[in-house]
Protein backbone atom coordinates (compact mmCIF):
# COMPACT_ATOMS: atom_id res chain seq x y z
CA MET A 1 -10.14 11.61 11.98
CA HIS A 2 -11.19 9.10 8.84
CA ALA A 3 -11.04 5.34 8.74
CA VAL A 4 -12.38 3.39 5.77
CA ASN A 5 -12.74 -0.84 6.56
CA ILE A 6 -10.98 -2.55 3.24
CA PRO A 7 -11.57 -5.70 2.77
CA ALA A 8 -8.21 -8.10 2.41
CA ASP A 9 -9.18 -8.90 -1.46
CA ASP A 10 -8.99 -5.12 -2.03
CA ILE A 11 -4.99 -5.56 -1.25
CA VAL A 12 -2.91 -4.75 -4.45
CA ASP A 13 -0.25 -6.86 -5.08
CA PRO A 14 2.55 -4.96 -7.04
CA SER A 15 3.93 -8.06 -8.66
CA LYS A 16 0.87 -9.23 -10.02
CA ASN A 17 -0.48 -5.89 -10.48
CA PRO A 18 2.33 -3.33 -11.40
CA ASP A 19 0.83 -0.54 -13.42
CA PRO A 20 -2.15 1.25 -11.19
CA PHE A 21 -4.13 2.21 -14.24
CA THR A 22 -4.75 -1.71 -15.06
CA ILE A 23 -6.48 -1.86 -12.11
CA ASP A 24 -10.56 -2.13 -12.24
CA ARG A 25 -11.48 0.04 -8.94
CA VAL A 26 -9.47 1.85 -5.83
CA MET A 27 -7.26 -1.08 -4.16
CA PHE A 28 -4.81 -0.08 -1.29
CA LEU A 29 -1.12 -0.83 -0.88
CA VAL A 30 0.89 -2.38 2.04
CA PRO A 31 3.93 -0.34 2.43
CA ALA A 32 7.50 -1.51 2.58
CA LYS A 33 8.94 -1.06 5.94
CA SER A 34 11.56 1.22 5.01
CA ALA A 35 11.15 3.70 7.66
CA PRO A 36 9.90 4.17 11.40
CA ARG A 37 7.27 6.75 10.66
CA ILE A 38 5.92 3.86 7.93
CA VAL A 39 5.95 1.15 10.30
CA ASN A 40 4.79 3.38 13.40
CA GLN A 41 1.77 4.85 11.55
CA ARG A 42 0.26 1.31 9.98
CA GLY A 43 -1.15 3.15 6.93
CA LEU A 44 -2.00 2.10 3.98
CA PHE A 45 -1.52 3.64 0.35
CA SER A 46 -4.24 3.86 -1.76
CA VAL A 47 -3.67 2.81 -5.67
CA HIS A 48 -6.38 4.82 -8.08
CA ASN A 49 -6.67 3.56 -11.55
CA GLN A 50 -8.71 6.81 -12.54
CA PRO A 51 -6.95 9.45 -9.93
CA ASP A 52 -8.41 12.36 -12.32
CA ARG A 53 -11.84 11.71 -10.38
CA ALA A 54 -13.09 12.08 -7.21
CA TRP A 55 -13.11 8.83 -4.98
CA VAL A 56 -15.77 8.36 -2.31
CA PRO A 57 -15.70 5.10 -0.19
CA GLU A 58 -18.35 2.86 0.66
CA ASN A 59 -17.36 1.98 4.06
CA PHE A 60 -16.32 5.20 4.91
CA ASP A 61 -16.48 6.59 8.83
CA LYS A 62 -15.57 9.97 9.80
CA PHE A 63 -14.85 10.91 13.07
CA VAL A 64 -14.90 14.50 14.49
CA ILE A 65 -13.50 15.12 17.85
CA PRO A 66 -14.98 18.70 19.06
CA ALA A 67 -12.42 21.66 19.65
CA ALA A 68 -12.87 21.64 22.98
CA MET A 69 -12.40 17.88 23.48
CA ARG A 70 -9.39 17.60 21.87
CA PRO A 71 -6.75 18.28 25.01
CA ARG A 72 -8.64 15.19 26.64
CA PHE A 73 -8.07 13.20 23.74
CA ARG A 74 -4.74 13.68 23.10
CA ARG A 75 -4.25 13.84 26.60
CA THR A 76 -5.83 10.02 27.02
CA LEU A 77 -3.83 9.10 23.52
CA PHE A 78 -0.24 10.34 25.22
CA LYS A 79 -0.82 8.33 28.64
CA MET A 80 -1.56 4.90 26.20
CA GLY A 81 1.90 5.61 24.62
CA VAL A 82 0.25 7.64 21.40
CA ASP A 83 2.06 10.74 21.10
CA HIS A 84 3.90 13.03 18.28
CA SER A 85 7.29 10.60 18.97
CA HIS A 86 5.41 7.88 18.58
CA ILE A 87 3.80 8.82 15.04
CA TYR A 88 6.92 10.46 13.73
CA PRO A 89 9.41 8.11 15.78
CA ASP A 90 12.52 10.55 14.55
CA ILE A 91 13.83 14.42 15.81
CA VAL A 92 11.07 16.38 14.88
CA GLY A 93 8.43 13.79 16.55
CA LEU A 94 10.38 13.80 19.61
CA CYS A 95 10.60 17.99 19.59
CA GLU A 96 7.23 18.45 19.35
CA MET A 97 5.99 16.11 21.62
CA LEU A 98 8.56 17.70 24.58
CA LYS A 99 7.08 20.97 23.16
CA TRP A 100 3.25 19.70 23.51
CA ARG A 101 4.73 18.59 27.30
CA TYR A 102 6.01 21.60 28.03
CA VAL A 103 3.05 24.10 26.96
CA GLU A 104 0.98 21.46 28.70
CA ARG A 105 2.82 21.18 31.79
CA ILE A 106 3.14 17.86 31.76
CA GLY A 107 6.22 16.28 33.77
CA ILE A 108 7.70 13.11 33.83
CA GLY A 109 5.92 10.45 35.42
CA THR A 110 1.94 9.89 35.56
CA ALA A 111 1.33 12.13 38.58
CA MET A 112 1.88 14.90 36.80
CA ILE A 113 -0.03 14.06 33.64
CA GLY A 114 -3.66 14.65 35.13
């Protein structure tokens, strides 16, 4: 998982900067709330003034979750209401969540979540 700390002045206003090649650095765009996935993922799009160059952010954190801990993290996130159906609020997300619950034998109700 990756996280970048983005200062407010690195958010691009498309009405003021309609051409991404005129900005002087990598900036970020808050997407229009046009689809449930975009709303639920709460992400930003990066806008690159030099798309042919690799971008190495300064305020970058990488979180590595060891493979052995992933099931525990996933169950903890599930208990907090974060699962495929939250991140992907469509039929695909619902099916992935139900499949995961079936494979992991997680029933309806907190007593069976473990």
